[in-house]
Amino acid sequence: GDRRLRDRTSRFADFYTGADPRAPNYDPRTRVIRSMMNGS
C-alpha cells in the first residue's frame, strides 16, 4: 500500500517498457533492450 513504492516501481519499469523517452532503453519494434549497459 506504499504509494511511493508503487510510483517508483512503475517509473523504474517504464525505463524499460519504452514509455519513458528520458530512458530509451527498449525498442518495441524489435523487442530488444538496445544495450546491456543501460539505466535511467
PDB file of all heavy atoms in Angstrom:
ATOM      1  N   GLY A   1       0.799  -1.226   0.000  1.00  0.00           N
ATOM      2  CA  GLY A   1       0.000   0.000   0.000  1.00  0.00           C
ATOM      3  C   GLY A   1       0.826   1.267   0.000  1.00  0.00           C
ATOM      4  O   GLY A   1       0.247   2.369   0.005  1.00  0.00           O
ATOM      5  N   ASP A   2       2.138   1.159  -0.048  1.00  0.00           N
ATOM      6  CA  ASP A   2       3.016   2.325  -0.015  1.00  0.00           C
ATOM      7  C   ASP A   2       2.977   3.015  -1.379  1.00  0.00           C
ATOM      8  O   ASP A   2       3.490   2.499  -2.370  1.00  0.00           O
ATOM      9  CB  ASP A   2       4.440   1.862   0.318  1.00  0.00           C
ATOM     10  CG  ASP A   2       5.428   3.009   0.469  1.00  0.00           C
ATOM     11  OD1 ASP A   2       5.164   4.112  -0.043  1.00  0.00           O
ATOM     12  OD2 ASP A   2       6.490   2.793   1.077  1.00  0.00           O
ATOM     13  N   ARG A   3       2.390   4.203  -1.437  1.00  0.00           N
ATOM     14  CA  ARG A   3       2.236   4.930  -2.696  1.00  0.00           C
ATOM     15  C   ARG A   3       3.582   5.225  -3.333  1.00  0.00           C
ATOM     16  O   ARG A   3       3.732   5.129  -4.552  1.00  0.00           O
ATOM     17  CB  ARG A   3       1.451   6.223  -2.455  1.00  0.00           C
ATOM     18  CG  ARG A   3       1.434   7.193  -3.638  1.00  0.00           C
ATOM     19  CD  ARG A   3       0.794   6.597  -4.891  1.00  0.00           C
ATOM     20  NE  ARG A   3      -0.610   6.292  -4.700  1.00  0.00           N
ATOM     21  CZ  ARG A   3      -1.367   5.730  -5.633  1.00  0.00           C
ATOM     22  NH1 ARG A   3      -0.849   5.399  -6.802  1.00  0.00           N
ATOM     23  NH2 ARG A   3      -2.644   5.492  -5.386  1.00  0.00           N
ATOM     24  N   ARG A   4       4.558   5.575  -2.522  1.00  0.00           N
ATOM     25  CA  ARG A   4       5.876   5.875  -3.063  1.00  0.00           C
ATOM     26  C   ARG A   4       6.485   4.646  -3.724  1.00  0.00           C
ATOM     27  O   ARG A   4       7.101   4.739  -4.788  1.00  0.00           O
ATOM     28  CB  ARG A   4       6.784   6.383  -1.939  1.00  0.00           C
ATOM     29  CG  ARG A   4       8.153   6.845  -2.390  1.00  0.00           C
ATOM     30  CD  ARG A   4       8.837   7.657  -1.298  1.00  0.00           C
ATOM     31  NE  ARG A   4       8.739   7.002   0.012  1.00  0.00           N
ATOM     32  CZ  ARG A   4       9.132   7.570   1.139  1.00  0.00           C
ATOM     33  NH1 ARG A   4       9.617   8.799   1.133  1.00  0.00           N
ATOM     34  NH2 ARG A   4       9.034   6.934   2.292  1.00  0.00           N
ATOM     35  N   LEU A   5       6.296   3.473  -3.131  1.00  0.00           N
ATOM     36  CA  LEU A   5       6.797   2.236  -3.724  1.00  0.00           C
ATOM     37  C   LEU A   5       6.097   1.954  -5.044  1.00  0.00           C
ATOM     38  O   LEU A   5       6.746   1.591  -6.036  1.00  0.00           O
ATOM     39  CB  LEU A   5       6.581   1.073  -2.750  1.00  0.00           C
ATOM     40  CG  LEU A   5       6.907  -0.320  -3.307  1.00  0.00           C
ATOM     41  CD1 LEU A   5       8.393  -0.447  -3.630  1.00  0.00           C
ATOM     42  CD2 LEU A   5       6.468  -1.414  -2.322  1.00  0.00           C
ATOM     43  N   ARG A   6       4.787   2.120  -5.078  1.00  0.00           N
ATOM     44  CA  ARG A   6       4.051   1.859  -6.323  1.00  0.00           C
ATOM     45  C   ARG A   6       4.505   2.797  -7.427  1.00  0.00           C
ATOM     46  O   ARG A   6       4.717   2.377  -8.576  1.00  0.00           O
ATOM     47  CB  ARG A   6       2.543   1.994  -6.079  1.00  0.00           C
ATOM     48  CG  ARG A   6       1.994   0.948  -5.119  1.00  0.00           C
ATOM     49  CD  ARG A   6       0.490   0.793  -5.272  1.00  0.00           C
ATOM     50  NE  ARG A   6      -0.235   2.035  -5.026  1.00  0.00           N
ATOM     51  CZ  ARG A   6      -0.767   2.369  -3.861  1.00  0.00           C
ATOM     52  NH1 ARG A   6      -0.614   1.569  -2.805  1.00  0.00           N
ATOM     53  NH2 ARG A   6      -1.441   3.479  -3.719  1.00  0.00           N
ATOM     54  N   ASP A   7       4.655   4.077  -7.097  1.00  0.00           N
ATOM     55  CA  ASP A   7       5.066   5.049  -8.111  1.00  0.00           C
ATOM     56  C   ASP A   7       6.475   4.759  -8.617  1.00  0.00           C
ATOM     57  O   ASP A   7       6.741   4.827  -9.819  1.00  0.00           O
ATOM     58  CB  ASP A   7       4.998   6.468  -7.540  1.00  0.00           C
ATOM     59  CG  ASP A   7       3.564   6.938  -7.305  1.00  0.00           C
ATOM     60  OD1 ASP A   7       2.631   6.279  -7.816  1.00  0.00           O
ATOM     61  OD2 ASP A   7       3.378   7.947  -6.603  1.00  0.00           O
ATOM     62  N   ARG A   8       7.377   4.451  -7.690  1.00  0.00           N
ATOM     63  CA  ARG A   8       8.751   4.154  -8.097  1.00  0.00           C
ATOM     64  C   ARG A   8       8.821   2.912  -8.977  1.00  0.00           C
ATOM     65  O   ARG A   8       9.534   2.883  -9.977  1.00  0.00           O
ATOM     66  CB  ARG A   8       9.623   3.920  -6.854  1.00  0.00           C
ATOM     67  CG  ARG A   8      10.268   5.173  -6.320  1.00  0.00           C
ATOM     68  CD  ARG A   8      11.272   4.828  -5.242  1.00  0.00           C
ATOM     69  NE  ARG A   8      11.754   6.052  -4.616  1.00  0.00           N
ATOM     70  CZ  ARG A   8      11.916   6.219  -3.326  1.00  0.00           C
ATOM     71  NH1 ARG A   8      11.637   5.238  -2.481  1.00  0.00           N
ATOM     72  NH2 ARG A   8      12.362   7.367  -2.852  1.00  0.00           N
ATOM     73  N   THR A   9       8.113   1.881  -8.592  1.00  0.00           N
ATOM     74  CA  THR A   9       8.172   0.635  -9.354  1.00  0.00           C
ATOM     75  C   THR A   9       7.689   0.856 -10.772  1.00  0.00           C
ATOM     76  O   THR A   9       8.303   0.378 -11.739  1.00  0.00           O
ATOM     77  CB  THR A   9       7.347  -0.452  -8.657  1.00  0.00           C
ATOM     78  OG1 THR A   9       7.790  -0.604  -7.304  1.00  0.00           O
ATOM     79  CG2 THR A   9       7.498  -1.784  -9.374  1.00  0.00           C
ATOM     80  N   SER A  10       6.607   1.600 -10.934  1.00  0.00           N
ATOM     81  CA  SER A  10       6.102   1.892 -12.278  1.00  0.00           C
ATOM     82  C   SER A  10       7.092   2.758 -13.054  1.00  0.00           C
ATOM     83  O   SER A  10       7.319   2.531 -14.253  1.00  0.00           O
ATOM     84  CB  SER A  10       4.750   2.607 -12.189  1.00  0.00           C
ATOM     85  OG  SER A  10       3.762   1.747 -11.657  1.00  0.00           O
ATOM     86  N   ARG A  11       7.692   3.744 -12.389  1.00  0.00           N
ATOM     87  CA  ARG A  11       8.658   4.605 -13.071  1.00  0.00           C
ATOM     88  C   ARG A  11       9.878   3.812 -13.522  1.00  0.00           C
ATOM     89  O   ARG A  11      10.340   3.936 -14.651  1.00  0.00           O
ATOM     90  CB  ARG A  11       9.092   5.744 -12.148  1.00  0.00           C
ATOM     91  CG  ARG A  11      10.034   6.723 -12.850  1.00  0.00           C
ATOM     92  CD  ARG A  11      10.618   7.804 -11.951  1.00  0.00           C
ATOM     93  NE  ARG A  11       9.916   7.980 -10.698  1.00  0.00           N
ATOM     94  CZ  ARG A  11      10.508   7.891  -9.507  1.00  0.00           C
ATOM     95  NH1 ARG A  11      11.797   7.606  -9.411  1.00  0.00           N
ATOM     96  NH2 ARG A  11       9.808   8.092  -8.413  1.00  0.00           N
ATOM     97  N   PHE A  12      10.393   2.972 -12.614  1.00  0.00           N
ATOM     98  CA  PHE A  12      11.557   2.156 -12.975  1.00  0.00           C
ATOM     99  C   PHE A  12      11.219   1.213 -14.128  1.00  0.00           C
ATOM    100  O   PHE A  12      12.014   1.031 -15.053  1.00  0.00           O
ATOM    101  CB  PHE A  12      12.028   1.346 -11.762  1.00  0.00           C
ATOM    102  CG  PHE A  12      12.583   2.151 -10.627  1.00  0.00           C
ATOM    103  CD1 PHE A  12      12.931   1.528  -9.430  1.00  0.00           C
ATOM    104  CD2 PHE A  12      12.775   3.531 -10.723  1.00  0.00           C
ATOM    105  CE1 PHE A  12      13.451   2.254  -8.370  1.00  0.00           C
ATOM    106  CE2 PHE A  12      13.294   4.273  -9.659  1.00  0.00           C
ATOM    107  CZ  PHE A  12      13.624   3.626  -8.477  1.00  0.00           C
ATOM    108  N   ALA A  13      10.051   0.590 -14.063  1.00  0.00           N
ATOM    109  CA  ALA A  13       9.653  -0.322 -15.136  1.00  0.00           C
ATOM    110  C   ALA A  13       9.554   0.405 -16.469  1.00  0.00           C
ATOM    111  O   ALA A  13       9.939  -0.139 -17.518  1.00  0.00           O
ATOM    112  CB  ALA A  13       8.321  -0.984 -14.790  1.00  0.00           C
ATOM    113  N   ASP A  14       9.082   1.651 -16.427  1.00  0.00           N
ATOM    114  CA  ASP A  14       8.917   2.393 -17.678  1.00  0.00           C
ATOM    115  C   ASP A  14      10.246   2.826 -18.294  1.00  0.00           C
ATOM    116  O   ASP A  14      10.277   3.252 -19.452  1.00  0.00           O
ATOM    117  CB  ASP A  14       8.007   3.601 -17.464  1.00  0.00           C
ATOM    118  CG  ASP A  14       6.539   3.250 -17.645  1.00  0.00           C
ATOM    119  OD1 ASP A  14       6.258   2.258 -18.351  1.00  0.00           O
ATOM    120  OD2 ASP A  14       5.688   3.957 -17.092  1.00  0.00           O
ATOM    121  N   PHE A  15      11.339   2.717 -17.547  1.00  0.00           N
ATOM    122  CA  PHE A  15      12.638   2.892 -18.191  1.00  0.00           C
ATOM    123  C   PHE A  15      12.893   1.778 -19.204  1.00  0.00           C
ATOM    124  O   PHE A  15      13.769   1.907 -20.064  1.00  0.00           O
ATOM    125  CB  PHE A  15      13.768   2.878 -17.149  1.00  0.00           C
ATOM    126  CG  PHE A  15      13.753   4.035 -16.191  1.00  0.00           C
ATOM    127  CD1 PHE A  15      14.294   3.901 -14.916  1.00  0.00           C
ATOM    128  CD2 PHE A  15      13.222   5.268 -16.541  1.00  0.00           C
ATOM    129  CE1 PHE A  15      14.312   4.957 -14.018  1.00  0.00           C
ATOM    130  CE2 PHE A  15      13.214   6.333 -15.649  1.00  0.00           C
ATOM    131  CZ  PHE A  15      13.765   6.180 -14.383  1.00  0.00           C
ATOM    132  N   TYR A  16      12.090   0.685 -19.109  1.00  0.00           N
ATOM    133  CA  TYR A  16      12.319  -0.495 -19.946  1.00  0.00           C
ATOM    134  C   TYR A  16      11.120  -0.896 -20.802  1.00  0.00           C
ATOM    135  O   TYR A  16      11.251  -1.769 -21.649  1.00  0.00           O
ATOM    136  CB  TYR A  16      12.768  -1.671 -19.061  1.00  0.00           C
ATOM    137  CG  TYR A  16      14.103  -1.349 -18.434  1.00  0.00           C
ATOM    138  CD1 TYR A  16      14.179  -0.781 -17.159  1.00  0.00           C
ATOM    139  CD2 TYR A  16      15.272  -1.528 -19.141  1.00  0.00           C
ATOM    140  CE1 TYR A  16      15.400  -0.428 -16.608  1.00  0.00           C
ATOM    141  CE2 TYR A  16      16.502  -1.169 -18.606  1.00  0.00           C
ATOM    142  CZ  TYR A  16      16.556  -0.617 -17.341  1.00  0.00           C
ATOM    143  OH  TYR A  16      17.767  -0.254 -16.819  1.00  0.00           O
ATOM    144  N   THR A  17       9.981  -0.262 -20.613  1.00  0.00           N
ATOM    145  CA  THR A  17       8.829  -0.586 -21.457  1.00  0.00           C
ATOM    146  C   THR A  17       8.812   0.208 -22.758  1.00  0.00           C
ATOM    147  O   THR A  17       8.041  -0.094 -23.662  1.00  0.00           O
ATOM    148  CB  THR A  17       7.511  -0.297 -20.713  1.00  0.00           C
ATOM    149  OG1 THR A  17       7.427   1.119 -20.450  1.00  0.00           O
ATOM    150  CG2 THR A  17       7.425  -1.082 -19.407  1.00  0.00           C
ATOM    151  N   GLY A  18       9.636   1.259 -22.820  1.00  0.00           N
ATOM    152  CA  GLY A  18       9.600   2.164 -23.963  1.00  0.00           C
ATOM    153  C   GLY A  18       8.685   3.346 -23.750  1.00  0.00           C
ATOM    154  O   GLY A  18       8.553   4.197 -24.636  1.00  0.00           O
ATOM    155  N   ALA A  19       8.056   3.436 -22.571  1.00  0.00           N
ATOM    156  CA  ALA A  19       7.091   4.506 -22.319  1.00  0.00           C
ATOM    157  C   ALA A  19       7.738   5.803 -21.858  1.00  0.00           C
ATOM    158  O   ALA A  19       7.089   6.849 -21.897  1.00  0.00           O
ATOM    159  CB  ALA A  19       6.070   4.044 -21.275  1.00  0.00           C
ATOM    160  N   ASP A  20       8.994   5.755 -21.409  1.00  0.00           N
ATOM    161  CA  ASP A  20       9.659   6.947 -20.890  1.00  0.00           C
ATOM    162  C   ASP A  20      10.749   7.392 -21.856  1.00  0.00           C
ATOM    163  O   ASP A  20      11.803   6.755 -21.940  1.00  0.00           O
ATOM    164  CB  ASP A  20      10.263   6.654 -19.516  1.00  0.00           C
ATOM    165  CG  ASP A  20      10.733   7.917 -18.795  1.00  0.00           C
ATOM    166  OD1 ASP A  20      11.018   8.923 -19.481  1.00  0.00           O
ATOM    167  OD2 ASP A  20      10.813   7.892 -17.547  1.00  0.00           O
ATOM    168  N   PRO A  21      10.524   8.488 -22.577  1.00  0.00           N
ATOM    169  CA  PRO A  21      11.524   8.924 -23.571  1.00  0.00           C
ATOM    170  C   PRO A  21      12.834   9.388 -22.960  1.00  0.00           C
ATOM    171  O   PRO A  21      13.829   9.539 -23.666  1.00  0.00           O
ATOM    172  CB  PRO A  21      10.810  10.067 -24.291  1.00  0.00           C
ATOM    173  CG  PRO A  21       9.800  10.579 -23.319  1.00  0.00           C
ATOM    174  CD  PRO A  21       9.351   9.377 -22.545  1.00  0.00           C
ATOM    175  N   ARG A  22      12.855   9.618 -21.635  1.00  0.00           N
ATOM    176  CA  ARG A  22      14.097  10.040 -20.981  1.00  0.00           C
ATOM    177  C   ARG A  22      15.097   8.889 -20.885  1.00  0.00           C
ATOM    178  O   ARG A  22      16.290   9.121 -20.671  1.00  0.00           O
ATOM    179  CB  ARG A  22      13.793  10.569 -19.576  1.00  0.00           C
ATOM    180  CG  ARG A  22      12.846  11.767 -19.556  1.00  0.00           C
ATOM    181  CD  ARG A  22      12.463  12.115 -18.118  1.00  0.00           C
ATOM    182  NE  ARG A  22      11.775  11.016 -17.452  1.00  0.00           N
ATOM    183  CZ  ARG A  22      11.362  11.046 -16.179  1.00  0.00           C
ATOM    184  NH1 ARG A  22      11.574  12.142 -15.446  1.00  0.00           N
ATOM    185  NH2 ARG A  22      10.740  10.010 -15.637  1.00  0.00           N
ATOM    186  N   ALA A  23      14.622   7.669 -21.026  1.00  0.00           N
ATOM    187  CA  ALA A  23      15.486   6.484 -20.919  1.00  0.00           C
ATOM    188  C   ALA A  23      15.090   5.509 -22.031  1.00  0.00           C
ATOM    189  O   ALA A  23      14.400   4.517 -21.783  1.00  0.00           O
ATOM    190  CB  ALA A  23      15.338   5.840 -19.551  1.00  0.00           C
ATOM    191  N   PRO A  24      15.523   5.774 -23.266  1.00  0.00           N
ATOM    192  CA  PRO A  24      15.069   4.966 -24.414  1.00  0.00           C
ATOM    193  C   PRO A  24      15.800   3.628 -24.522  1.00  0.00           C
ATOM    194  O   PRO A  24      16.451   3.327 -25.528  1.00  0.00           O
ATOM    195  CB  PRO A  24      15.380   5.879 -25.597  1.00  0.00           C
ATOM    196  CG  PRO A  24      16.580   6.667 -25.160  1.00  0.00           C
ATOM    197  CD  PRO A  24      16.394   6.898 -23.679  1.00  0.00           C
ATOM    198  N   ASN A  25      15.677   2.822 -23.474  1.00  0.00           N
ATOM    199  CA  ASN A  25      16.378   1.537 -23.459  1.00  0.00           C
ATOM    200  C   ASN A  25      15.736   0.506 -24.369  1.00  0.00           C
ATOM    201  O   ASN A  25      16.434  -0.306 -24.984  1.00  0.00           O
ATOM    202  CB  ASN A  25      16.405   0.986 -22.025  1.00  0.00           C
ATOM    203  CG  ASN A  25      17.254   1.824 -21.100  1.00  0.00           C
ATOM    204  OD1 ASN A  25      18.443   1.994 -21.312  1.00  0.00           O
ATOM    205  ND2 ASN A  25      16.631   2.371 -20.046  1.00  0.00           N
ATOM    206  N   TYR A  26      14.409   0.532 -24.452  1.00  0.00           N
ATOM    207  CA  TYR A  26      13.680  -0.546 -25.131  1.00  0.00           C
ATOM    208  C   TYR A  26      13.153  -0.096 -26.484  1.00  0.00           C
ATOM    209  O   TYR A  26      12.620   1.010 -26.615  1.00  0.00           O
ATOM    210  CB  TYR A  26      12.502  -0.994 -24.259  1.00  0.00           C
ATOM    211  CG  TYR A  26      11.769  -2.211 -24.773  1.00  0.00           C
ATOM    212  CD1 TYR A  26      12.381  -3.463 -24.792  1.00  0.00           C
ATOM    213  CD2 TYR A  26      10.455  -2.116 -25.233  1.00  0.00           C
ATOM    214  CE1 TYR A  26      11.700  -4.580 -25.254  1.00  0.00           C
ATOM    215  CE2 TYR A  26       9.765  -3.231 -25.688  1.00  0.00           C
ATOM    216  CZ  TYR A  26      10.399  -4.462 -25.698  1.00  0.00           C
ATOM    217  OH  TYR A  26       9.722  -5.569 -26.153  1.00  0.00           O
ATOM    218  N   ASP A  27      13.312  -0.951 -27.477  1.00  0.00           N
ATOM    219  CA  ASP A  27      12.755  -0.711 -28.808  1.00  0.00           C
ATOM    220  C   ASP A  27      11.588  -1.666 -29.004  1.00  0.00           C
ATOM    221  O   ASP A  27      11.797  -2.870 -29.220  1.00  0.00           O
ATOM    222  CB  ASP A  27      13.813  -0.938 -29.882  1.00  0.00           C
ATOM    223  CG  ASP A  27      13.317  -0.553 -31.273  1.00  0.00           C
ATOM    224  OD1 ASP A  27      12.092  -0.495 -31.482  1.00  0.00           O
ATOM    225  OD2 ASP A  27      14.164  -0.333 -32.164  1.00  0.00           O
ATOM    226  N   PRO A  28      10.357  -1.186 -28.937  1.00  0.00           N
ATOM    227  CA  PRO A  28       9.210  -2.093 -29.061  1.00  0.00           C
ATOM    228  C   PRO A  28       9.061  -2.697 -30.452  1.00  0.00           C
ATOM    229  O   PRO A  28       8.415  -3.740 -30.604  1.00  0.00           O
ATOM    230  CB  PRO A  28       8.014  -1.190 -28.719  1.00  0.00           C
ATOM    231  CG  PRO A  28       8.481   0.204 -28.991  1.00  0.00           C
ATOM    232  CD  PRO A  28       9.950   0.209 -28.693  1.00  0.00           C
ATOM    233  N   ARG A  29       9.681  -2.084 -31.458  1.00  0.00           N
ATOM    234  CA  ARG A  29       9.589  -2.640 -32.818  1.00  0.00           C
ATOM    235  C   ARG A  29      10.390  -3.936 -32.934  1.00  0.00           C
ATOM    236  O   ARG A  29       9.930  -4.918 -33.506  1.00  0.00           O
ATOM    237  CB  ARG A  29      10.087  -1.626 -33.849  1.00  0.00           C
ATOM    238  CG  ARG A  29       9.285  -0.342 -33.921  1.00  0.00           C
ATOM    239  CD  ARG A  29       9.918   0.667 -34.856  1.00  0.00           C
ATOM    240  NE  ARG A  29      11.265   1.054 -34.415  1.00  0.00           N
ATOM    241  CZ  ARG A  29      12.390   0.632 -34.978  1.00  0.00           C
ATOM    242  NH1 ARG A  29      12.345  -0.191 -36.013  1.00  0.00           N
ATOM    243  NH2 ARG A  29      13.563   1.038 -34.517  1.00  0.00           N
ATOM    244  N   THR A  30      11.591  -3.933 -32.378  1.00  0.00           N
ATOM    245  CA  THR A  30      12.440  -5.121 -32.459  1.00  0.00           C
ATOM    246  C   THR A  30      12.397  -5.954 -31.178  1.00  0.00           C
ATOM    247  O   THR A  30      12.988  -7.028 -31.132  1.00  0.00           O
ATOM    248  CB  THR A  30      13.897  -4.704 -32.730  1.00  0.00           C
ATOM    249  OG1 THR A  30      14.320  -3.767 -31.722  1.00  0.00           O
ATOM    250  CG2 THR A  30      14.017  -4.038 -34.094  1.00  0.00           C
ATOM    251  N   ARG A  31      11.708  -5.448 -30.156  1.00  0.00           N
ATOM    252  CA  ARG A  31      11.549  -6.131 -28.873  1.00  0.00           C
ATOM    253  C   ARG A  31      12.907  -6.441 -28.249  1.00  0.00           C
ATOM    254  O   ARG A  31      13.170  -7.561 -27.817  1.00  0.00           O
ATOM    255  CB  ARG A  31      10.715  -7.401 -29.046  1.00  0.00           C
ATOM    256  CG  ARG A  31       9.306  -7.117 -29.568  1.00  0.00           C
ATOM    257  CD  ARG A  31       8.736  -8.292 -30.310  1.00  0.00           C
ATOM    258  NE  ARG A  31       8.224  -9.326 -29.420  1.00  0.00           N
ATOM    259  CZ  ARG A  31       7.925 -10.553 -29.825  1.00  0.00           C
ATOM    260  NH1 ARG A  31       8.114 -10.890 -31.081  1.00  0.00           N
ATOM    261  NH2 ARG A  31       7.444 -11.453 -28.963  1.00  0.00           N
ATOM    262  N   VAL A  32      13.759  -5.441 -28.223  1.00  0.00           N
ATOM    263  CA  VAL A  32      15.072  -5.581 -27.607  1.00  0.00           C
ATOM    264  C   VAL A  32      15.332  -4.404 -26.667  1.00  0.00           C
ATOM    265  O   VAL A  32      14.851  -3.292 -26.893  1.00  0.00           O
ATOM    266  CB  VAL A  32      16.225  -5.644 -28.642  1.00  0.00           C
ATOM    267  CG1 VAL A  32      16.072  -6.829 -29.566  1.00  0.00           C
ATOM    268  CG2 VAL A  32      16.347  -4.346 -29.420  1.00  0.00           C
ATOM    269  N   ILE A  33      16.098  -4.682 -25.615  1.00  0.00           N
ATOM    270  CA  ILE A  33      16.764  -3.628 -24.861  1.00  0.00           C
ATOM    271  C   ILE A  33      18.076  -3.394 -25.581  1.00  0.00           C
ATOM    272  O   ILE A  33      18.852  -4.317 -25.805  1.00  0.00           O
ATOM    273  CB  ILE A  33      16.953  -4.031 -23.390  1.00  0.00           C
ATOM    274  CG1 ILE A  33      15.566  -4.066 -22.700  1.00  0.00           C
ATOM    275  CG2 ILE A  33      17.868  -3.050 -22.663  1.00  0.00           C
ATOM    276  CD1 ILE A  33      15.600  -4.540 -21.254  1.00  0.00           C
ATOM    277  N   ARG A  34      18.335  -2.175 -25.964  1.00  0.00           N
ATOM    278  CA  ARG A  34      19.292  -1.871 -27.027  1.00  0.00           C
ATOM    279  C   ARG A  34      20.749  -2.051 -26.630  1.00  0.00           C
ATOM    280  O   ARG A  34      21.629  -2.092 -27.495  1.00  0.00           O
ATOM    281  CB  ARG A  34      19.051  -0.451 -27.524  1.00  0.00           C
ATOM    282  CG  ARG A  34      17.632  -0.257 -28.092  1.00  0.00           C
ATOM    283  CD  ARG A  34      17.251   1.203 -28.227  1.00  0.00           C
ATOM    284  NE  ARG A  34      18.137   1.879 -29.170  1.00  0.00           N
ATOM    285  CZ  ARG A  34      18.483   3.156 -29.054  1.00  0.00           C
ATOM    286  NH1 ARG A  34      18.063   3.881 -28.023  1.00  0.00           N
ATOM    287  NH2 ARG A  34      19.271   3.709 -29.953  1.00  0.00           N
ATOM    288  N   SER A  35      21.034  -2.144 -25.349  1.00  0.00           N
ATOM    289  CA  SER A  35      22.402  -2.349 -24.881  1.00  0.00           C
ATOM    290  C   SER A  35      22.350  -3.075 -23.549  1.00  0.00           C
ATOM    291  O   SER A  35      21.366  -2.946 -22.808  1.00  0.00           O
ATOM    292  CB  SER A  35      23.121  -1.011 -24.699  1.00  0.00           C
ATOM    293  OG  SER A  35      24.374  -1.180 -24.056  1.00  0.00           O
ATOM    294  N   MET A  36      23.390  -3.850 -23.229  1.00  0.00           N
ATOM    295  CA  MET A  36      23.404  -4.474 -21.908  1.00  0.00           C
ATOM    296  C   MET A  36      23.864  -3.505 -20.834  1.00  0.00           C
ATOM    297  O   MET A  36      23.737  -3.792 -19.639  1.00  0.00           O
ATOM    298  CB  MET A  36      24.248  -5.745 -21.906  1.00  0.00           C
ATOM    299  CG  MET A  36      25.732  -5.562 -21.941  1.00  0.00           C
ATOM    300  SD  MET A  36      26.572  -7.157 -21.699  1.00  0.00           S
ATOM    301  CE  MET A  36      26.015  -7.617 -20.065  1.00  0.00           C
ATOM    302  N   MET A  37      24.406  -2.352 -21.218  1.00  0.00           N
ATOM    303  CA  MET A  37      24.693  -1.265 -20.282  1.00  0.00           C
ATOM    304  C   MET A  37      23.570  -0.253 -20.421  1.00  0.00           C
ATOM    305  O   MET A  37      23.455   0.425 -21.459  1.00  0.00           O
ATOM    306  CB  MET A  37      26.045  -0.619 -20.591  1.00  0.00           C
ATOM    307  CG  MET A  37      27.236  -1.515 -20.338  1.00  0.00           C
ATOM    308  SD  MET A  37      27.692  -1.619 -18.596  1.00  0.00           S
ATOM    309  CE  MET A  37      28.754  -0.194 -18.437  1.00  0.00           C
ATOM    310  N   ASN A  38      22.730  -0.155 -19.421  1.00  0.00           N
ATOM    311  CA  ASN A  38      21.532   0.668 -19.533  1.00  0.00           C
ATOM    312  C   ASN A  38      21.103   1.153 -18.161  1.00  0.00           C
ATOM    313  O   ASN A  38      21.669   0.770 -17.145  1.00  0.00           O
ATOM    314  CB  ASN A  38      20.413  -0.140 -20.208  1.00  0.00           C
ATOM    315  CG  ASN A  38      20.143  -1.443 -19.470  1.00  0.00           C
ATOM    316  OD1 ASN A  38      19.640  -1.452 -18.350  1.00  0.00           O
ATOM    317  ND2 ASN A  38      20.492  -2.562 -20.101  1.00  0.00           N
ATOM    318  N   GLY A  39      20.102   2.010 -18.140  1.00  0.00           N
ATOM    319  CA  GLY A  39      19.595   2.546 -16.886  1.00  0.00           C
ATOM    320  C   GLY A  39      18.787   3.798 -17.116  1.00  0.00           C
ATOM    321  O   GLY A  39      18.249   4.013 -18.211  1.00  0.00           O
ATOM    322  N   SER A  40      18.710   4.654 -16.108  1.00  0.00           N
ATOM    323  CA  SER A  40      17.883   5.855 -16.211  1.00  0.00           C
ATOM    324  C   SER A  40      18.457   6.867 -17.189  1.00  0.00           C
ATOM    325  O   SER A  40      17.763   7.800 -17.600  1.00  0.00           O
ATOM    326  CB  SER A  40      17.726   6.500 -14.830  1.00  0.00           C
ATOM    327  OG  SER A  40      18.988   6.785 -14.255  1.00  0.00           O
TER     328      SER A  40
END
